[in-house]
N, C-alpha and C. Protein backbone atom coordinates (compact mmCIF):
# COMPACT_ATOMS: atom_id res chain seq x y z
N SER A 1 83.37 222.13 15.08
CA SER A 1 83.83 222.38 16.45
C SER A 1 82.75 221.94 17.44
N PRO A 2 83.15 221.32 18.54
CA PRO A 2 82.16 220.92 19.57
C PRO A 2 81.36 222.09 20.13
N ILE A 3 81.92 223.29 20.03
CA ILE A 3 81.21 224.46 20.56
C ILE A 3 79.91 224.73 19.78
N ALA A 4 79.81 224.16 18.58
CA ALA A 4 78.60 224.34 17.77
C ALA A 4 77.38 223.67 18.41
N PHE A 5 77.62 222.79 19.38
CA PHE A 5 76.51 222.15 20.10
C PHE A 5 75.89 223.09 21.14
N LEU A 6 76.57 224.19 21.45
CA LEU A 6 76.13 225.06 22.54
C LEU A 6 74.71 225.61 22.37
N PRO A 7 74.30 226.09 21.19
CA PRO A 7 72.92 226.59 21.06
C PRO A 7 71.87 225.53 21.39
N ALA A 8 72.11 224.29 20.94
CA ALA A 8 71.17 223.21 21.25
C ALA A 8 71.16 222.88 22.73
N ILE A 9 72.33 222.92 23.34
CA ILE A 9 72.44 222.64 24.78
C ILE A 9 71.69 223.70 25.59
N LEU A 10 71.81 224.96 25.17
CA LEU A 10 71.14 226.05 25.89
C LEU A 10 69.62 225.91 25.83
N ILE A 11 69.09 225.57 24.64
CA ILE A 11 67.64 225.49 24.50
C ILE A 11 67.07 224.33 25.30
N LEU A 12 67.88 223.33 25.60
CA LEU A 12 67.44 222.21 26.42
C LEU A 12 67.69 222.45 27.91
N LEU A 13 68.81 223.10 28.21
CA LEU A 13 69.23 223.23 29.60
C LEU A 13 68.56 224.38 30.34
N LEU A 14 68.44 225.55 29.70
CA LEU A 14 67.90 226.72 30.39
C LEU A 14 66.47 226.52 30.89
N PRO A 15 65.54 225.97 30.09
CA PRO A 15 64.19 225.74 30.62
C PRO A 15 64.18 224.78 31.81
N ALA A 16 65.16 223.86 31.85
CA ALA A 16 65.24 222.93 32.98
C ALA A 16 65.52 223.66 34.29
N PHE A 17 66.15 224.85 34.19
CA PHE A 17 66.44 225.68 35.36
C PHE A 17 65.40 226.79 35.53
N LYS A 18 64.20 226.56 34.98
CA LYS A 18 63.06 227.46 35.14
C LYS A 18 63.28 228.82 34.47
N ILE A 19 64.17 228.86 33.47
CA ILE A 19 64.37 230.10 32.70
C ILE A 19 63.26 230.16 31.64
N ASP A 20 62.64 231.33 31.49
CA ASP A 20 61.57 231.50 30.52
C ASP A 20 62.00 231.01 29.14
N LEU A 21 61.09 230.29 28.46
CA LEU A 21 61.43 229.69 27.17
C LEU A 21 61.81 230.73 26.14
N THR A 22 61.14 231.89 26.16
CA THR A 22 61.48 232.96 25.21
C THR A 22 62.91 233.43 25.41
N LYS A 23 63.32 233.60 26.66
CA LYS A 23 64.69 234.01 26.95
C LYS A 23 65.68 232.92 26.53
N ALA A 24 65.31 231.67 26.73
CA ALA A 24 66.18 230.56 26.33
C ALA A 24 66.36 230.54 24.82
N MET A 25 65.28 230.81 24.08
CA MET A 25 65.36 230.83 22.62
C MET A 25 66.24 231.98 22.14
N VAL A 26 66.09 233.15 22.77
CA VAL A 26 66.92 234.30 22.39
C VAL A 26 68.39 234.02 22.67
N ALA A 27 68.67 233.41 23.83
CA ALA A 27 70.06 233.07 24.18
C ALA A 27 70.64 232.07 23.19
N SER A 28 69.85 231.08 22.82
CA SER A 28 70.30 230.07 21.86
C SER A 28 70.56 230.69 20.50
N LEU A 29 69.66 231.57 20.05
CA LEU A 29 69.81 232.23 18.76
C LEU A 29 71.04 233.13 18.72
N ALA A 30 71.20 233.93 19.79
CA ALA A 30 72.36 234.83 19.85
C ALA A 30 73.66 234.05 19.86
N THR A 31 73.68 232.95 20.61
CA THR A 31 74.88 232.10 20.66
C THR A 31 75.18 231.49 19.29
N ALA A 32 74.12 231.05 18.61
CA ALA A 32 74.30 230.45 17.28
C ALA A 32 74.88 231.45 16.29
N ILE A 33 74.41 232.70 16.35
CA ILE A 33 74.92 233.74 15.45
C ILE A 33 76.39 234.02 15.74
N LEU A 34 76.74 234.12 17.01
CA LEU A 34 78.14 234.37 17.39
C LEU A 34 79.05 233.24 16.94
N ILE A 35 78.59 232.00 17.10
CA ILE A 35 79.39 230.84 16.69
C ILE A 35 79.56 230.82 15.18
N ALA A 36 78.49 231.13 14.45
CA ALA A 36 78.55 231.14 12.99
C ALA A 36 79.57 232.16 12.49
N VAL A 37 79.58 233.33 13.13
CA VAL A 37 80.46 234.41 12.67
C VAL A 37 81.90 234.21 13.14
N PHE A 38 82.08 233.91 14.41
CA PHE A 38 83.44 233.91 14.97
C PHE A 38 84.11 232.53 14.99
N VAL A 39 83.34 231.46 14.92
CA VAL A 39 83.93 230.12 14.93
C VAL A 39 83.92 229.50 13.54
N GLN A 40 82.78 229.61 12.86
CA GLN A 40 82.65 229.00 11.55
C GLN A 40 83.02 229.93 10.40
N GLY A 41 83.26 231.21 10.72
CA GLY A 41 83.75 232.15 9.71
C GLY A 41 82.72 232.58 8.68
N VAL A 42 81.44 232.52 9.03
CA VAL A 42 80.39 232.97 8.11
C VAL A 42 80.24 234.49 8.26
N PRO A 43 80.26 235.24 7.16
CA PRO A 43 80.09 236.70 7.26
C PRO A 43 78.77 237.05 7.95
N ILE A 44 78.78 238.14 8.69
CA ILE A 44 77.60 238.52 9.45
C ILE A 44 76.39 238.75 8.55
N GLY A 45 76.62 239.33 7.37
CA GLY A 45 75.52 239.56 6.43
C GLY A 45 74.89 238.26 5.96
N GLN A 46 75.74 237.27 5.67
CA GLN A 46 75.24 235.96 5.23
C GLN A 46 74.50 235.25 6.36
N THR A 47 75.02 235.42 7.58
CA THR A 47 74.37 234.81 8.75
C THR A 47 72.96 235.35 8.95
N LEU A 48 72.82 236.67 8.84
CA LEU A 48 71.50 237.29 8.99
C LEU A 48 70.58 236.88 7.85
N LEU A 49 71.15 236.69 6.65
CA LEU A 49 70.34 236.23 5.52
C LEU A 49 69.81 234.83 5.77
N TYR A 50 70.65 233.98 6.37
CA TYR A 50 70.20 232.63 6.75
C TYR A 50 69.02 232.72 7.72
N CYS A 51 69.11 233.66 8.67
CA CYS A 51 68.05 233.82 9.67
C CYS A 51 66.72 234.19 9.01
N ILE A 52 66.78 234.91 7.91
CA ILE A 52 65.56 235.36 7.25
C ILE A 52 65.09 234.38 6.17
N ALA A 53 66.00 233.99 5.29
CA ALA A 53 65.63 233.17 4.12
C ALA A 53 65.86 231.69 4.33
N GLY A 54 66.58 231.30 5.38
CA GLY A 54 66.87 229.89 5.59
C GLY A 54 68.25 229.51 5.07
N TYR A 55 68.69 228.33 5.43
CA TYR A 55 70.03 227.85 5.08
C TYR A 55 69.96 226.87 3.90
N THR A 56 70.94 226.96 3.02
CA THR A 56 71.07 226.02 1.91
C THR A 56 72.46 225.43 1.95
N SER A 57 72.55 224.11 2.11
CA SER A 57 73.84 223.45 2.21
C SER A 57 74.55 223.42 0.86
N PRO A 58 75.86 223.72 0.83
CA PRO A 58 76.60 223.66 -0.43
C PRO A 58 76.83 222.23 -0.92
N SER A 59 76.63 221.24 -0.05
CA SER A 59 76.84 219.84 -0.41
C SER A 59 75.51 219.14 -0.61
N GLU A 60 75.51 218.08 -1.40
CA GLU A 60 74.30 217.31 -1.65
C GLU A 60 74.23 216.13 -0.68
N GLY A 61 73.23 215.32 -0.85
CA GLY A 61 73.11 214.14 0.00
C GLY A 61 72.66 214.49 1.40
N LEU A 62 73.43 214.00 2.38
CA LEU A 62 73.04 214.17 3.78
C LEU A 62 73.00 215.64 4.18
N GLY A 63 73.84 216.47 3.56
CA GLY A 63 73.86 217.90 3.89
C GLY A 63 72.55 218.59 3.61
N ALA A 64 71.76 218.04 2.68
CA ALA A 64 70.48 218.65 2.32
C ALA A 64 69.48 218.60 3.47
N ILE A 65 69.71 217.73 4.45
CA ILE A 65 68.81 217.65 5.61
C ILE A 65 68.79 218.97 6.37
N LEU A 66 69.91 219.70 6.31
CA LEU A 66 70.01 220.96 7.04
C LEU A 66 69.34 222.12 6.31
N ASN A 67 68.92 221.91 5.06
CA ASN A 67 68.31 222.99 4.29
C ASN A 67 66.99 223.44 4.91
N GLY A 68 66.73 224.74 4.78
CA GLY A 68 65.45 225.28 5.25
C GLY A 68 65.61 226.17 6.46
N GLY A 69 64.52 226.40 7.16
CA GLY A 69 64.54 227.28 8.32
C GLY A 69 64.35 228.73 7.92
N GLY A 70 64.63 229.61 8.85
CA GLY A 70 64.50 231.04 8.58
C GLY A 70 63.10 231.56 8.82
N LEU A 71 62.99 232.88 8.94
CA LEU A 71 61.69 233.51 9.20
C LEU A 71 60.71 233.29 8.05
N ARG A 72 61.22 233.27 6.83
CA ARG A 72 60.35 233.14 5.68
C ARG A 72 59.58 231.82 5.70
N SER A 73 60.23 230.76 6.17
CA SER A 73 59.57 229.46 6.20
C SER A 73 58.45 229.42 7.23
N MET A 74 58.47 230.35 8.19
CA MET A 74 57.45 230.38 9.24
C MET A 74 56.27 231.27 8.88
N ALA A 75 56.35 231.96 7.73
CA ALA A 75 55.30 232.91 7.37
C ALA A 75 53.94 232.23 7.24
N GLU A 76 53.90 231.08 6.56
CA GLU A 76 52.65 230.37 6.36
C GLU A 76 52.07 229.90 7.68
N VAL A 77 52.94 229.35 8.55
CA VAL A 77 52.49 228.89 9.86
C VAL A 77 51.94 230.06 10.68
N LEU A 78 52.60 231.21 10.59
CA LEU A 78 52.16 232.39 11.33
C LEU A 78 50.78 232.84 10.88
N VAL A 79 50.55 232.85 9.57
CA VAL A 79 49.24 233.24 9.05
C VAL A 79 48.16 232.27 9.52
N ILE A 80 48.47 230.97 9.45
CA ILE A 80 47.52 229.95 9.91
C ILE A 80 47.20 230.15 11.39
N LEU A 81 48.22 230.44 12.20
CA LEU A 81 48.01 230.65 13.63
C LEU A 81 47.13 231.86 13.90
N VAL A 82 47.39 232.96 13.20
CA VAL A 82 46.61 234.18 13.41
C VAL A 82 45.15 233.94 13.06
N ILE A 83 44.90 233.32 11.89
CA ILE A 83 43.52 233.06 11.46
C ILE A 83 42.84 232.07 12.41
N SER A 84 43.55 231.00 12.76
CA SER A 84 42.97 229.97 13.62
C SER A 84 42.65 230.51 15.01
N CYS A 85 43.57 231.30 15.55
CA CYS A 85 43.33 231.88 16.88
C CYS A 85 42.18 232.88 16.83
N GLY A 86 42.03 233.58 15.69
CA GLY A 86 40.90 234.49 15.53
C GLY A 86 39.58 233.74 15.57
N TYR A 87 39.51 232.64 14.82
CA TYR A 87 38.29 231.81 14.84
C TYR A 87 38.05 231.24 16.23
N SER A 88 39.13 230.83 16.89
CA SER A 88 39.00 230.26 18.23
C SER A 88 38.38 231.27 19.18
N ARG A 89 38.83 232.51 19.08
CA ARG A 89 38.30 233.56 19.94
C ARG A 89 36.83 233.83 19.64
N ILE A 90 36.49 233.81 18.35
CA ILE A 90 35.10 234.02 17.96
C ILE A 90 34.21 232.92 18.53
N PHE A 91 34.66 231.67 18.41
CA PHE A 91 33.88 230.55 18.94
C PHE A 91 33.67 230.69 20.44
N THR A 92 34.72 231.13 21.14
CA THR A 92 34.64 231.24 22.60
C THR A 92 33.70 232.36 23.03
N GLU A 93 33.84 233.53 22.42
CA GLU A 93 33.07 234.70 22.85
C GLU A 93 31.60 234.62 22.44
N THR A 94 31.32 233.95 21.32
CA THR A 94 29.93 233.87 20.86
C THR A 94 29.23 232.61 21.36
N HIS A 95 29.97 231.74 22.05
CA HIS A 95 29.42 230.49 22.59
C HIS A 95 28.81 229.62 21.49
N MET A 96 29.38 229.68 20.29
CA MET A 96 28.86 228.91 19.16
C MET A 96 29.02 227.41 19.36
N LEU A 97 30.00 227.04 20.17
CA LEU A 97 30.30 225.61 20.32
C LEU A 97 29.70 225.00 21.59
N ASP A 98 28.91 225.78 22.32
CA ASP A 98 28.39 225.29 23.60
C ASP A 98 27.58 224.00 23.45
N ALA A 99 26.69 223.95 22.47
CA ALA A 99 25.86 222.77 22.28
C ALA A 99 26.71 221.55 21.90
N VAL A 100 27.71 221.79 21.04
CA VAL A 100 28.60 220.70 20.63
C VAL A 100 29.42 220.21 21.83
N GLN A 101 29.91 221.16 22.65
CA GLN A 101 30.71 220.79 23.80
C GLN A 101 29.90 220.01 24.83
N ASP A 102 28.62 220.38 25.01
CA ASP A 102 27.77 219.64 25.93
C ASP A 102 27.58 218.20 25.45
N LYS A 103 27.41 218.04 24.14
CA LYS A 103 27.28 216.70 23.57
C LYS A 103 28.57 215.91 23.77
N ILE A 104 29.72 216.56 23.56
CA ILE A 104 31.02 215.91 23.74
C ILE A 104 31.21 215.50 25.19
N THR A 105 30.77 216.36 26.13
CA THR A 105 30.86 216.02 27.55
C THR A 105 30.06 214.77 27.86
N SER A 106 28.87 214.70 27.30
CA SER A 106 28.01 213.54 27.53
C SER A 106 28.67 212.26 27.01
N ILE A 107 29.23 212.33 25.82
CA ILE A 107 29.90 211.15 25.24
C ILE A 107 31.15 210.80 26.04
N SER A 108 31.88 211.83 26.50
CA SER A 108 33.11 211.61 27.26
C SER A 108 32.83 210.88 28.57
N ARG A 109 31.69 211.18 29.18
CA ARG A 109 31.34 210.50 30.44
C ARG A 109 31.07 209.01 30.20
N LYS A 110 30.67 208.68 28.98
CA LYS A 110 30.33 207.29 28.66
C LYS A 110 31.56 206.49 28.23
N ILE A 111 32.41 207.06 27.39
CA ILE A 111 33.53 206.28 26.84
C ILE A 111 34.90 206.80 27.26
N GLY A 112 34.95 207.91 27.99
CA GLY A 112 36.23 208.46 28.44
C GLY A 112 36.67 209.64 27.61
N ARG A 113 37.14 210.69 28.27
CA ARG A 113 37.48 211.92 27.55
C ARG A 113 38.70 211.75 26.65
N PHE A 114 39.67 210.90 27.06
CA PHE A 114 40.83 210.71 26.19
C PHE A 114 40.43 209.99 24.91
N ASN A 115 39.50 209.04 25.01
CA ASN A 115 39.03 208.33 23.83
C ASN A 115 38.34 209.29 22.85
N VAL A 116 37.53 210.20 23.40
CA VAL A 116 36.86 211.19 22.57
C VAL A 116 37.88 212.13 21.94
N LEU A 117 38.87 212.56 22.73
CA LEU A 117 39.92 213.44 22.22
C LEU A 117 40.68 212.76 21.08
N MET A 118 40.93 211.47 21.21
CA MET A 118 41.64 210.74 20.16
C MET A 118 40.83 210.72 18.87
N LEU A 119 39.53 210.49 18.99
CA LEU A 119 38.66 210.48 17.81
C LEU A 119 38.61 211.86 17.16
N LEU A 120 38.50 212.90 17.99
CA LEU A 120 38.48 214.27 17.46
C LEU A 120 39.82 214.62 16.80
N SER A 121 40.91 214.10 17.35
CA SER A 121 42.23 214.36 16.77
C SER A 121 42.31 213.84 15.35
N PHE A 122 41.87 212.61 15.14
CA PHE A 122 41.88 212.04 13.80
C PHE A 122 40.95 212.81 12.87
N ALA A 123 39.77 213.19 13.39
CA ALA A 123 38.79 213.89 12.57
C ALA A 123 39.31 215.26 12.12
N THR A 124 39.85 216.03 13.07
CA THR A 124 40.32 217.37 12.73
C THR A 124 41.59 217.33 11.88
N CYS A 125 42.48 216.38 12.16
CA CYS A 125 43.68 216.24 11.33
C CYS A 125 43.31 215.85 9.91
N GLY A 126 42.35 214.93 9.78
CA GLY A 126 41.93 214.50 8.46
C GLY A 126 41.19 215.58 7.70
N LEU A 127 40.42 216.41 8.40
CA LEU A 127 39.63 217.45 7.76
C LEU A 127 40.47 218.66 7.36
N PHE A 128 41.36 219.11 8.29
CA PHE A 128 42.11 220.33 8.04
C PHE A 128 43.53 220.07 7.50
N CYS A 129 43.97 218.81 7.56
CA CYS A 129 45.28 218.42 7.00
C CYS A 129 46.43 219.20 7.61
N ASN A 130 46.23 219.71 8.82
CA ASN A 130 47.23 220.58 9.42
C ASN A 130 47.24 220.40 10.93
N GLN A 131 48.43 220.21 11.48
CA GLN A 131 48.58 219.96 12.91
C GLN A 131 48.18 221.17 13.75
N THR A 132 48.51 222.36 13.26
CA THR A 132 48.24 223.58 14.03
C THR A 132 46.75 223.80 14.21
N ILE A 133 46.00 223.73 13.11
CA ILE A 133 44.55 223.94 13.19
C ILE A 133 43.89 222.83 14.00
N ALA A 134 44.34 221.59 13.81
CA ALA A 134 43.78 220.47 14.57
C ALA A 134 43.98 220.67 16.06
N THR A 135 45.13 221.16 16.46
CA THR A 135 45.43 221.40 17.87
C THR A 135 44.49 222.46 18.45
N LEU A 136 44.31 223.56 17.72
CA LEU A 136 43.45 224.63 18.20
C LEU A 136 41.99 224.17 18.26
N MET A 137 41.54 223.41 17.26
CA MET A 137 40.16 222.95 17.25
C MET A 137 39.89 221.97 18.40
N CYS A 138 40.83 221.06 18.64
CA CYS A 138 40.66 220.11 19.74
C CYS A 138 40.64 220.83 21.08
N ASN A 139 41.46 221.87 21.20
CA ASN A 139 41.47 222.66 22.43
C ASN A 139 40.13 223.35 22.65
N ASP A 140 39.57 223.91 21.57
CA ASP A 140 38.27 224.60 21.67
C ASP A 140 37.15 223.64 22.01
N LEU A 141 37.18 222.47 21.36
CA LEU A 141 36.08 221.52 21.54
C LEU A 141 36.15 220.77 22.87
N MET A 142 37.37 220.50 23.36
CA MET A 142 37.52 219.68 24.56
C MET A 142 37.76 220.48 25.83
N GLY A 143 38.00 221.78 25.71
CA GLY A 143 38.28 222.59 26.89
C GLY A 143 37.17 222.53 27.92
N LYS A 144 35.94 222.82 27.50
CA LYS A 144 34.80 222.82 28.42
C LYS A 144 34.49 221.41 28.94
N PRO A 145 34.46 220.37 28.09
CA PRO A 145 34.23 219.02 28.61
C PRO A 145 35.24 218.61 29.67
N TYR A 146 36.49 218.96 29.49
CA TYR A 146 37.51 218.61 30.50
C TYR A 146 37.22 219.32 31.81
N ARG A 147 36.86 220.61 31.72
CA ARG A 147 36.55 221.37 32.95
C ARG A 147 35.30 220.81 33.63
N ASP A 148 34.29 220.46 32.82
CA ASP A 148 33.06 219.91 33.39
C ASP A 148 33.30 218.59 34.10
N MET A 149 34.34 217.88 33.69
CA MET A 149 34.63 216.56 34.29
C MET A 149 35.73 216.64 35.34
N GLY A 150 36.05 217.87 35.77
CA GLY A 150 36.99 218.04 36.87
C GLY A 150 38.46 218.05 36.49
N ALA A 151 38.78 218.12 35.20
CA ALA A 151 40.18 218.16 34.76
C ALA A 151 40.55 219.61 34.44
N ASP A 152 41.85 219.91 34.50
CA ASP A 152 42.29 221.27 34.23
C ASP A 152 43.00 221.35 32.87
N GLY A 153 43.45 222.56 32.55
CA GLY A 153 44.11 222.79 31.28
C GLY A 153 45.40 222.01 31.12
N THR A 154 46.09 221.77 32.22
CA THR A 154 47.33 221.01 32.16
C THR A 154 47.08 219.58 31.71
N GLU A 155 46.03 218.96 32.24
CA GLU A 155 45.71 217.60 31.84
C GLU A 155 45.30 217.53 30.37
N LEU A 156 44.55 218.54 29.92
CA LEU A 156 44.16 218.60 28.51
C LEU A 156 45.39 218.74 27.62
N ALA A 157 46.34 219.59 28.04
CA ALA A 157 47.56 219.79 27.26
C ALA A 157 48.37 218.50 27.14
N VAL A 158 48.47 217.77 28.27
CA VAL A 158 49.21 216.50 28.26
C VAL A 158 48.52 215.49 27.35
N ASP A 159 47.19 215.41 27.46
CA ASP A 159 46.44 214.45 26.63
C ASP A 159 46.54 214.80 25.15
N MET A 160 46.52 216.09 24.83
CA MET A 160 46.67 216.50 23.43
C MET A 160 48.07 216.18 22.92
N GLY A 161 49.06 216.30 23.79
CA GLY A 161 50.41 215.95 23.40
C GLY A 161 50.56 214.47 23.09
N ASN A 162 49.71 213.65 23.72
CA ASN A 162 49.76 212.21 23.51
C ASN A 162 48.74 211.72 22.48
N SER A 163 48.01 212.64 21.88
CA SER A 163 47.01 212.25 20.88
C SER A 163 47.10 213.13 19.63
N THR A 164 46.64 214.36 19.73
CA THR A 164 46.57 215.25 18.57
C THR A 164 47.92 215.47 17.92
N LEU A 165 48.93 215.71 18.73
CA LEU A 165 50.24 216.08 18.18
C LEU A 165 50.98 214.92 17.52
N VAL A 166 50.57 213.70 17.81
CA VAL A 166 51.22 212.56 17.16
C VAL A 166 50.30 211.87 16.14
N SER A 167 48.99 211.96 16.36
CA SER A 167 48.07 211.28 15.44
C SER A 167 48.07 211.92 14.06
N VAL A 168 48.53 213.18 13.96
CA VAL A 168 48.58 213.85 12.66
C VAL A 168 49.43 213.07 11.67
N PHE A 169 50.45 212.37 12.17
CA PHE A 169 51.34 211.61 11.28
C PHE A 169 50.74 210.28 10.85
N LEU A 170 49.58 209.93 11.44
CA LEU A 170 48.91 208.70 11.05
C LEU A 170 47.87 208.94 9.95
N VAL A 171 47.69 210.20 9.57
CA VAL A 171 46.77 210.56 8.50
C VAL A 171 47.61 210.88 7.27
N PRO A 172 47.60 210.03 6.25
CA PRO A 172 48.56 210.13 5.13
C PRO A 172 48.55 211.46 4.39
N TRP A 173 47.39 212.15 4.33
CA TRP A 173 47.31 213.36 3.51
C TRP A 173 47.59 214.65 4.29
N THR A 174 47.97 214.56 5.55
CA THR A 174 48.30 215.77 6.29
C THR A 174 49.69 216.27 5.92
N ILE A 175 49.91 217.57 6.15
CA ILE A 175 51.21 218.16 5.85
C ILE A 175 52.31 217.49 6.67
N GLY A 176 51.99 217.17 7.93
CA GLY A 176 52.98 216.56 8.81
C GLY A 176 53.45 215.20 8.33
N ALA A 177 52.63 214.51 7.55
CA ALA A 177 53.02 213.21 7.01
C ALA A 177 53.61 213.32 5.61
N ILE A 178 52.98 214.13 4.75
CA ILE A 178 53.39 214.22 3.35
C ILE A 178 54.80 214.78 3.21
N VAL A 179 55.09 215.87 3.91
CA VAL A 179 56.37 216.57 3.71
C VAL A 179 57.57 215.68 4.05
N PRO A 180 57.65 215.10 5.26
CA PRO A 180 58.82 214.26 5.54
C PRO A 180 58.90 213.01 4.67
N LEU A 181 57.74 212.43 4.31
CA LEU A 181 57.76 211.24 3.46
C LEU A 181 58.28 211.56 2.07
N GLN A 182 57.83 212.69 1.51
CA GLN A 182 58.32 213.09 0.20
C GLN A 182 59.80 213.44 0.24
N PHE A 183 60.23 214.07 1.32
CA PHE A 183 61.64 214.45 1.46
C PHE A 183 62.53 213.21 1.50
N LEU A 184 62.07 212.19 2.20
CA LEU A 184 62.85 210.96 2.35
C LEU A 184 62.63 209.98 1.19
N GLY A 185 61.62 210.26 0.36
CA GLY A 185 61.38 209.42 -0.79
C GLY A 185 60.82 208.05 -0.46
N VAL A 186 59.95 207.99 0.55
CA VAL A 186 59.34 206.72 0.94
C VAL A 186 57.82 206.86 0.95
N THR A 187 57.13 205.73 0.86
CA THR A 187 55.67 205.75 0.90
C THR A 187 55.18 205.69 2.34
N PHE A 188 53.92 206.05 2.53
CA PHE A 188 53.31 206.00 3.86
C PHE A 188 53.31 204.57 4.39
N ALA A 189 52.90 203.63 3.52
CA ALA A 189 52.85 202.22 3.93
C ALA A 189 54.24 201.69 4.26
N GLY A 190 55.25 202.16 3.55
CA GLY A 190 56.61 201.70 3.81
C GLY A 190 57.20 202.26 5.08
N ALA A 191 56.75 203.45 5.48
CA ALA A 191 57.33 204.11 6.65
C ALA A 191 56.66 203.71 7.96
N MET A 192 55.35 203.44 7.91
CA MET A 192 54.59 203.20 9.13
C MET A 192 55.09 202.06 10.01
N PRO A 193 55.56 200.93 9.44
CA PRO A 193 56.04 199.86 10.33
C PRO A 193 57.21 200.29 11.21
N TYR A 194 57.91 201.35 10.82
CA TYR A 194 59.07 201.81 11.59
C TYR A 194 58.75 203.04 12.45
N ALA A 195 57.56 203.59 12.31
CA ALA A 195 57.18 204.80 13.05
C ALA A 195 56.58 204.42 14.40
N PHE A 196 57.37 203.70 15.20
CA PHE A 196 56.86 203.16 16.47
C PHE A 196 56.28 204.25 17.37
N LEU A 197 56.99 205.36 17.48
CA LEU A 197 56.59 206.42 18.41
C LEU A 197 55.21 206.96 18.05
N VAL A 198 54.90 207.04 16.77
CA VAL A 198 53.68 207.66 16.30
C VAL A 198 52.44 206.90 16.76
N TYR A 199 52.49 205.57 16.75
CA TYR A 199 51.29 204.84 17.14
C TYR A 199 51.37 204.19 18.52
N LEU A 200 52.58 204.03 19.06
CA LEU A 200 52.69 203.42 20.38
C LEU A 200 52.27 204.40 21.48
N ILE A 201 52.57 205.70 21.30
CA ILE A 201 52.18 206.70 22.31
C ILE A 201 50.66 206.75 22.46
N PRO A 202 49.88 206.95 21.39
CA PRO A 202 48.42 206.96 21.56
C PRO A 202 47.87 205.64 22.11
N LEU A 203 48.40 204.51 21.62
CA LEU A 203 47.92 203.22 22.09
C LEU A 203 48.17 203.04 23.58
N TYR A 204 49.37 203.42 24.02
CA TYR A 204 49.72 203.28 25.43
C TYR A 204 48.77 204.12 26.31
N PHE A 205 48.56 205.36 25.92
CA PHE A 205 47.73 206.23 26.76
C PHE A 205 46.24 205.90 26.62
N LEU A 206 45.83 205.30 25.50
CA LEU A 206 44.46 204.81 25.42
C LEU A 206 44.22 203.73 26.47
N VAL A 207 45.18 202.83 26.60
CA VAL A 207 45.06 201.75 27.58
C VAL A 207 45.13 202.29 29.00
N VAL A 208 46.13 203.15 29.27
CA VAL A 208 46.33 203.71 30.62
C VAL A 208 45.11 204.50 31.06
N ASN A 209 44.60 205.37 30.19
CA ASN A 209 43.45 206.20 30.56
C ASN A 209 42.18 205.37 30.72
N GLU A 210 42.04 204.30 29.93
CA GLU A 210 40.88 203.44 30.07
C GLU A 210 40.91 202.70 31.41
N ILE A 211 42.10 202.27 31.83
CA ILE A 211 42.24 201.61 33.13
C ILE A 211 41.89 202.58 34.25
N LYS A 212 42.39 203.82 34.15
CA LYS A 212 42.08 204.83 35.17
C LYS A 212 40.58 205.12 35.21
N ARG A 213 39.96 205.21 34.03
CA ARG A 213 38.54 205.52 33.96
C ARG A 213 37.71 204.42 34.61
N ARG A 214 38.05 203.17 34.34
CA ARG A 214 37.29 202.05 34.90
C ARG A 214 37.47 201.98 36.41
N ARG A 215 38.67 202.30 36.89
CA ARG A 215 38.89 202.30 38.33
C ARG A 215 38.08 203.41 38.99
N ALA A 216 38.03 204.59 38.33
CA ALA A 216 37.25 205.71 38.86
C ALA A 216 35.77 205.37 38.89
N LEU A 217 35.28 204.72 37.83
CA LEU A 217 33.87 204.32 37.80
C LEU A 217 33.56 203.30 38.90
N GLY A 218 34.54 202.42 39.19
CA GLY A 218 34.35 201.43 40.24
C GLY A 218 34.24 202.06 41.60
N LYS A 219 34.84 203.27 41.74
CA LYS A 219 34.77 203.97 43.02
C LYS A 219 33.57 204.93 43.08
N GLY A 220 32.82 204.98 41.97
CA GLY A 220 31.67 205.88 41.93
C GLY A 220 32.02 207.28 41.48
N ASP A 221 33.27 207.49 41.00
CA ASP A 221 33.67 208.81 40.50
C ASP A 221 33.62 208.81 38.98
N LEU A 222 33.72 210.03 38.42
CA LEU A 222 33.77 210.16 36.96
C LEU A 222 35.22 210.16 36.52
């Protein structure tokens, strides 16, 4: 039924009208449960089980793409987030990273902060093999350098979205690359020529930010 598109429409539309994302997610989830029970005829008990344990398609082939989800699948990510955020807080409160951040600031002034962020993205993704930890580490390491160079948290978030969050798929041994490749049954080398978004986004913003940096230097600004 076309009404099954409603949960997806809500999660895209409500934030566009400045509705809090948490409320949008709750509205989408509640709508999805109602549609499953009253439109698709799934028993309420089975629907709630899907919410906890995830969905398993009764058909093979393309239907298997829908398999997964549920709270249980998020348990590992939740543990990683809790531990990573704990370390992040420790680094911030104890100022353990101050010397490293000062060095990063110095390098960023020479070659550009986005270039440094891109290098750190590859390094942290390759070391931790995980997008979540890499994101938190890049935020910890680059937060102070960005502030020292007159940029705010919004600019750092945008730059990380154009570097850390996509560069993880360019490191073959990360979870973000291994899982989808194994699911689709293709090799890293076979998939990369078609993964335009993964490498065109960083390349584009490397060029754009380098142009901006050179123009700023020409005006005597950082």
